[in-house]
Amino acid sequence: MKEISVLELKSRIDNGDDIQIIDIRETNEYEYCNIGAELIPMGEIMSKIDLIARDKDVILHCKSGGRSSAMVNALMSRGFDNVINLTGGILAWADQIDPSIPKY
């Protein structure tokens, strides 16, 4: 499984890389705090699989990296070779990139 750190992701965003970032947390978690990623809750990923790009890197994130890791593996088993887990999730983003993001 491919993984990316929050520092690497921030660099890719700052460089304007053509990537898709998907937050797979629940709606209430996203509403509490988010980094502006597209929201597709974990339970909806497989029914909305057509919304996931196949022609560019897709970074999945959750709160700490566990759920997104599982979804990266699930998508890889469906033929996606461009999915990447954000190590540490939004908690790592709050710790290393933007401390104004509330933790829960």
Protein backbone atom coordinates (compact mmCIF):
# COMPACT_ATOMS: atom_id res chain seq x y z
CA MET A 1 0.00 0.00 0.00
CA LYS A 2 1.24 3.47 -0.89
CA GLU A 3 1.30 6.11 1.82
CA ILE A 4 2.02 9.81 1.93
CA SER A 5 2.90 12.03 4.88
CA VAL A 6 1.05 15.24 5.61
CA LEU A 7 4.21 17.20 4.77
CA GLU A 8 4.43 15.50 1.37
CA LEU A 9 0.73 16.15 0.73
CA LYS A 10 1.05 19.81 1.71
CA SER A 11 3.96 20.13 -0.72
CA ARG A 12 1.93 18.55 -3.52
CA ILE A 13 -0.99 20.91 -2.81
CA ASP A 14 1.34 23.93 -2.73
CA ASN A 15 2.91 22.82 -6.02
CA GLY A 16 -0.53 22.65 -7.64
CA ASP A 17 -0.26 18.92 -8.41
CA ASP A 18 -3.33 17.43 -10.08
CA ILE A 19 -4.51 15.11 -7.30
CA GLN A 20 -7.82 14.10 -5.77
CA ILE A 21 -8.11 14.21 -1.98
CA ILE A 22 -10.99 12.30 -0.42
CA ASP A 23 -12.02 12.55 3.22
CA ILE A 24 -13.71 9.27 4.14
CA ARG A 25 -14.85 10.29 7.62
CA GLU A 26 -18.52 10.66 8.53
CA THR A 27 -20.41 13.86 7.71
CA ASN A 28 -20.47 15.05 11.33
CA GLU A 29 -16.67 14.61 11.58
CA TYR A 30 -16.18 16.54 8.33
CA GLU A 31 -18.48 19.34 9.51
CA TYR A 32 -16.49 19.64 12.75
CA CYS A 33 -13.15 20.02 10.97
CA ASN A 34 -11.77 19.38 7.50
CA ILE A 35 -8.92 20.29 5.16
CA GLY A 36 -11.14 21.02 2.17
CA ALA A 37 -11.04 17.54 0.68
CA GLU A 38 -13.98 15.98 -1.12
CA LEU A 39 -16.23 14.13 1.34
CA ILE A 40 -17.17 10.55 0.49
CA PRO A 41 -17.86 8.71 3.76
CA MET A 42 -16.29 5.26 4.10
CA GLY A 43 -19.67 3.54 3.95
CA GLU A 44 -20.43 5.17 0.60
CA ILE A 45 -17.10 4.66 -1.18
CA MET A 46 -18.01 1.45 -2.99
CA SER A 47 -21.38 2.78 -4.15
CA LYS A 48 -19.71 5.98 -5.38
CA ILE A 49 -16.65 4.31 -6.86
CA ASP A 50 -17.24 6.15 -10.16
CA LEU A 51 -16.36 9.43 -8.39
CA ILE A 52 -12.82 8.21 -7.73
CA ALA A 53 -10.31 9.25 -10.37
CA ARG A 54 -8.27 6.61 -12.14
CA ASP A 55 -6.03 9.01 -14.08
CA LYS A 56 -4.31 10.78 -11.16
CA ASP A 57 -3.18 10.12 -7.61
CA VAL A 58 -6.04 9.83 -5.12
CA ILE A 59 -5.21 10.47 -1.48
CA LEU A 60 -7.65 9.09 1.09
CA HIS A 61 -7.70 10.36 4.65
CA CYS A 62 -9.65 9.85 7.84
CA LYS A 63 -9.05 10.85 11.46
CA SER A 64 -5.82 8.94 12.09
CA GLY A 65 -5.17 6.74 9.05
CA GLY A 66 -6.79 3.44 10.03
CA ARG A 67 -10.04 3.68 8.07
CA SER A 68 -8.36 5.23 5.05
CA SER A 69 -5.74 2.48 5.07
CA ALA A 70 -8.50 -0.13 4.95
CA MET A 71 -10.23 1.70 2.10
CA VAL A 72 -6.99 2.01 0.12
CA ASN A 73 -6.61 -1.77 0.37
CA ALA A 74 -10.26 -2.30 -0.63
CA LEU A 75 -9.89 -0.03 -3.67
CA MET A 76 -6.62 -1.69 -4.65
CA SER A 77 -8.47 -5.02 -4.69
CA ARG A 78 -10.89 -3.36 -7.16
CA GLY A 79 -8.05 -2.46 -9.53
CA PHE A 80 -7.15 1.03 -8.34
CA ASP A 81 -3.36 1.39 -8.42
CA ASN A 82 -3.41 5.16 -7.83
CA VAL A 83 -4.82 5.29 -4.29
CA ILE A 84 -2.64 6.52 -1.43
CA ASN A 85 -3.22 6.59 2.33
CA LEU A 86 -2.52 9.79 4.26
CA THR A 87 -0.43 8.64 7.21
CA GLY A 88 -1.80 9.96 10.49
CA GLY A 89 -4.93 11.47 8.94
CA ILE A 90 -6.35 14.81 9.92
CA LEU A 91 -4.79 14.52 13.39
CA ALA A 92 -1.32 14.56 11.81
CA TRP A 93 -2.40 17.49 9.61
CA ALA A 94 -3.45 19.41 12.74
CA ASP A 95 -0.17 18.54 14.48
CA GLN A 96 2.23 19.26 11.62
CA ILE A 97 0.50 21.63 9.18
CA ASP A 98 -2.40 23.58 10.66
CA PRO A 99 -2.75 23.70 14.46
CA SER A 100 -5.99 25.73 14.10
CA ILE A 101 -7.78 22.52 13.09
CA PRO A 102 -9.55 21.20 16.18
CA LYS A 103 -8.79 17.67 17.31
CA TYR A 104 -11.37 15.23 18.56
